[in-house]
Amino acid sequence: MVYYYTSNVVSPSAFIYAGKDKYESTTSPRFHVDNLSSAHIYLRLRDNETWDNIPQALLDDCAQLTKANSIEGNKKDNITVIYTPWSNLMKNASMAAGQVSFHNPKMVKKVFVPARENTIVNRLNKTKVEKFPDLMAEKEEYLKKQRKEERRLRDEKKAEEKKAKKQREEMKWQKEHAYDDMFSEENLHMSSNQDRDPDFLDDFM
């Protein structure tokens, strides 16, 4: 079961969700109230968006939703919400339920939340939808689209490189053969004084 929320503070809209999601893209950031128990909130990154360039308004939505879904955090002011890429989460059997650590602590960012903003939470709750998605299928579809886009970009790059190489070769040929016509038999004959009229020098007088 996954709860989906739609954030319209950015265009195109972003999807925020809560629930177990072991098959999610490894780039999706996960939000959690620092040092307090809370639900794990995930953000589905949009095209050309990475976990460390999320617009501030969207970050605020994620942080407010994370705070609202924390029993302890929702009652407190001046809390900190942390987020990191899903792939940076580290979990092993020795940890308590809900406890996680990080492979790289430097890949953890923080959002300070002074207080709950009901206008944000209420707006997001109005978009709340409960779904039972096939997360493995969604991930495969996402990766398929990602591979297709990467292949398209590689093909475009190869085509541009091929075009640039052809232009360089043409310019090189033109440079190397720029004076070929000057030494043609016809031009040499025309520039020769051998067959000129004996009085041709009179033209310069």
Protein backbone atom coordinates (compact mmCIF):
# COMPACT_ATOMS: atom_id res chain seq x y z
CA MET A 1 0.00 0.00 0.00
CA VAL A 2 1.29 3.43 -0.96
CA TYR A 3 -0.20 6.87 -0.34
CA TYR A 4 0.39 9.29 -3.20
CA TYR A 5 0.31 13.07 -2.91
CA THR A 6 0.53 15.61 -5.71
CA SER A 7 2.55 18.79 -5.26
CA ASN A 8 1.53 21.60 -7.61
CA VAL A 9 4.09 24.12 -6.40
CA VAL A 10 6.25 23.08 -9.37
CA SER A 11 5.48 22.49 -13.01
CA PRO A 12 5.10 19.75 -14.05
CA SER A 13 3.59 18.56 -10.78
CA ALA A 14 5.62 16.30 -8.52
CA PHE A 15 4.55 13.11 -6.76
CA ILE A 16 5.29 12.53 -3.10
CA TYR A 17 4.40 9.25 -1.47
CA ALA A 18 4.56 7.28 1.73
CA GLY A 19 4.72 3.54 2.15
CA LYS A 20 7.01 0.58 1.71
CA ASP A 21 8.80 0.94 -1.57
CA LYS A 22 11.76 -1.44 -1.81
CA TYR A 23 11.66 -1.35 -5.61
CA GLU A 24 11.82 2.40 -6.03
CA SER A 25 14.47 4.08 -8.17
CA THR A 26 17.75 4.31 -6.29
CA THR A 27 17.91 8.04 -7.03
CA SER A 28 14.63 8.91 -5.28
CA PRO A 29 15.27 10.90 -2.10
CA ARG A 30 13.76 9.70 1.16
CA PHE A 31 12.67 12.16 3.87
CA HIS A 32 12.61 11.46 7.61
CA VAL A 33 12.37 13.52 10.79
CA ASP A 34 15.83 13.66 12.31
CA ASN A 35 16.20 11.83 15.65
CA LEU A 36 12.45 11.13 15.87
CA SER A 37 10.19 8.34 14.71
CA SER A 38 8.36 9.23 11.51
CA ALA A 39 6.94 7.84 8.33
CA HIS A 40 9.31 7.57 5.40
CA ILE A 41 8.32 10.02 2.69
CA TYR A 42 9.64 9.63 -0.85
CA LEU A 43 9.78 12.07 -3.74
CA ARG A 44 9.58 10.90 -7.31
CA LEU A 45 12.14 13.00 -9.17
CA ARG A 46 11.01 14.68 -12.36
CA ASP A 47 12.97 14.86 -15.61
CA ASN A 48 16.36 16.58 -15.24
CA GLU A 49 15.88 16.80 -11.47
CA THR A 50 18.34 15.31 -9.01
CA TRP A 51 18.10 14.79 -5.26
CA ASP A 52 20.36 17.79 -4.61
CA ASN A 53 18.66 20.36 -6.85
CA ILE A 54 15.06 20.04 -5.65
CA PRO A 55 13.23 23.42 -5.78
CA GLN A 56 12.78 24.99 -2.34
CA ALA A 57 8.98 25.08 -2.57
CA LEU A 58 8.91 21.35 -3.29
CA LEU A 59 11.35 20.71 -0.44
CA ASP A 60 9.02 22.60 1.89
CA ASP A 61 6.10 20.41 0.79
CA CYS A 62 8.10 17.24 1.45
CA ALA A 63 9.33 18.48 4.82
CA GLN A 64 5.86 19.55 5.97
CA LEU A 65 4.37 16.23 4.91
CA THR A 66 7.14 14.35 6.72
CA LYS A 67 6.55 16.36 9.89
CA ALA A 68 2.78 15.82 9.67
CA ASN A 69 3.32 12.05 9.40
CA SER A 70 5.46 11.88 12.51
CA ILE A 71 3.58 11.34 15.78
CA GLU A 72 6.30 13.07 17.78
CA GLY A 73 7.48 15.51 15.14
CA ASN A 74 3.99 16.77 14.38
CA LYS A 75 3.64 18.03 17.98
CA LYS A 76 6.96 19.85 18.06
CA ASP A 77 8.27 23.06 16.56
CA ASN A 78 11.77 23.67 15.27
CA ILE A 79 12.44 20.17 13.98
CA THR A 80 14.86 19.04 11.28
CA VAL A 81 13.90 16.82 8.38
CA ILE A 82 16.75 14.95 6.70
CA TYR A 83 16.76 13.53 3.20
CA THR A 84 19.10 11.45 1.11
CA PRO A 85 18.99 9.30 -2.05
CA TRP A 86 17.35 5.93 -1.47
CA SER A 87 20.58 4.24 -2.55
CA ASN A 88 22.43 5.92 0.32
CA LEU A 89 20.30 4.19 2.98
CA MET A 90 22.04 1.45 4.94
CA LYS A 91 20.11 -1.15 6.89
CA ASN A 92 21.20 -4.38 8.54
CA ALA A 93 19.67 -6.99 10.81
CA SER A 94 21.26 -5.58 13.97
CA MET A 95 19.36 -2.28 13.68
CA ALA A 96 16.07 -1.66 15.46
CA ALA A 97 12.86 -1.49 13.46
CA GLY A 98 12.73 1.77 11.52
CA GLN A 99 16.37 2.56 12.24
CA VAL A 100 18.63 3.29 9.30
CA SER A 101 22.08 4.61 8.69
CA PHE A 102 23.86 5.97 5.63
CA HIS A 103 26.64 4.75 3.40
CA ASN A 104 27.86 8.30 2.92
CA PRO A 105 26.86 10.87 5.60
CA LYS A 106 27.94 13.66 3.25
CA MET A 107 25.00 12.74 1.00
CA VAL A 108 22.49 13.73 3.65
CA LYS A 109 20.81 17.13 3.52
CA LYS A 110 18.68 18.88 6.12
CA VAL A 111 15.56 21.04 6.03
CA PHE A 112 14.70 23.13 9.09
CA VAL A 113 10.97 23.22 9.85
CA PRO A 114 10.02 25.95 12.39
CA ALA A 115 6.39 24.88 12.66
CA ARG A 116 3.62 22.97 10.95
CA GLU A 117 2.02 24.90 8.10
CA ASN A 118 -1.54 23.70 7.80
CA THR A 119 -2.08 25.38 4.43
CA ILE A 120 0.62 23.15 2.92
CA VAL A 121 -0.43 19.96 4.72
CA ASN A 122 -4.12 20.46 3.94
CA ARG A 123 -3.38 21.18 0.27
CA LEU A 124 -1.36 17.98 -0.03
CA ASN A 125 -3.89 15.88 1.92
CA LYS A 126 -6.61 16.88 -0.56
CA THR A 127 -4.59 15.11 -3.27
CA LYS A 128 -3.98 11.97 -1.20
CA VAL A 129 -4.70 8.73 -3.07
CA GLU A 130 -4.24 5.19 -1.78
CA LYS A 131 -2.84 2.74 -4.31
CA PHE A 132 -1.51 -0.78 -4.44
CA PRO A 133 1.00 -0.42 -7.27
CA ASP A 134 3.20 -3.05 -8.83
CA LEU A 135 6.38 -1.30 -7.76
CA MET A 136 8.70 -3.72 -9.54
CA ALA A 137 6.85 -3.11 -12.83
CA GLU A 138 6.93 0.65 -12.26
CA LYS A 139 10.64 0.55 -11.61
CA GLU A 140 11.26 -1.53 -14.74
CA GLU A 141 9.20 0.89 -16.81
CA TYR A 142 11.10 3.84 -15.33
CA LEU A 143 14.47 2.22 -16.05
CA LYS A 144 13.32 1.33 -19.57
CA LYS A 145 12.44 4.96 -20.30
CA GLN A 146 15.71 6.09 -18.74
CA ARG A 147 17.75 3.69 -20.91
CA LYS A 148 15.82 4.81 -24.02
CA GLU A 149 16.57 8.46 -23.26
CA GLU A 150 20.24 7.73 -22.59
CA ARG A 151 20.46 5.82 -25.89
CA ARG A 152 18.82 8.73 -27.74
CA LEU A 153 21.33 11.17 -26.24
CA ARG A 154 24.25 8.88 -27.17
CA ASP A 155 22.97 8.61 -30.76
CA GLU A 156 22.61 12.38 -31.00
CA LYS A 157 26.12 12.86 -29.67
CA LYS A 158 27.55 10.35 -32.17
CA ALA A 159 25.70 12.06 -35.04
CA GLU A 160 27.05 15.46 -33.97
CA GLU A 161 30.59 14.08 -33.67
CA LYS A 162 30.30 12.45 -37.11
CA LYS A 163 29.06 15.73 -38.62
CA ALA A 164 31.86 17.72 -36.95
CA LYS A 165 34.46 15.21 -38.17
CA LYS A 166 33.15 15.45 -41.72
CA GLN A 167 33.29 19.26 -41.58
CA ARG A 168 36.87 19.15 -40.28
CA GLU A 169 37.89 16.78 -43.06
CA GLU A 170 36.26 19.01 -45.70
CA MET A 171 38.00 22.09 -44.34
CA LYS A 172 41.32 20.25 -44.27
CA TRP A 173 40.87 19.11 -47.89
CA GLN A 174 39.95 22.63 -49.00
CA LYS A 175 43.00 24.03 -47.24
CA GLU A 176 45.33 21.46 -48.77
CA HIS A 177 43.91 21.94 -52.28
CA ALA A 178 43.26 25.67 -52.18
CA TYR A 179 46.00 26.40 -54.79
CA ASP A 180 45.45 23.38 -57.06
CA ASP A 181 43.79 25.44 -59.81
CA MET A 182 46.58 28.00 -59.75
CA PHE A 183 49.04 25.47 -61.11
CA SER A 184 46.74 23.89 -63.66
CA GLU A 185 48.04 23.66 -67.25
CA GLU A 186 45.49 26.21 -68.43
CA ASN A 187 46.39 28.80 -65.77
CA LEU A 188 50.11 28.28 -66.32
CA HIS A 189 49.61 28.78 -70.03
CA MET A 190 47.62 31.97 -69.45
CA SER A 191 50.27 33.39 -67.13
CA SER A 192 53.12 32.58 -69.50
CA ASN A 193 54.66 35.40 -71.58
CA GLN A 194 55.90 32.98 -74.21
CA ASP A 195 52.90 33.25 -76.50
CA ARG A 196 52.07 36.91 -75.92
CA ASP A 197 52.16 39.55 -78.63
CA PRO A 198 55.57 41.23 -78.73
CA ASP A 199 53.92 44.56 -78.06
CA PHE A 200 52.01 43.44 -74.95
CA LEU A 201 54.35 45.52 -72.76
CA ASP A 202 53.05 48.65 -74.48
CA ASP A 203 49.90 48.21 -72.37
CA PHE A 204 51.92 49.19 -69.28
CA MET A 205 53.35 52.35 -70.82
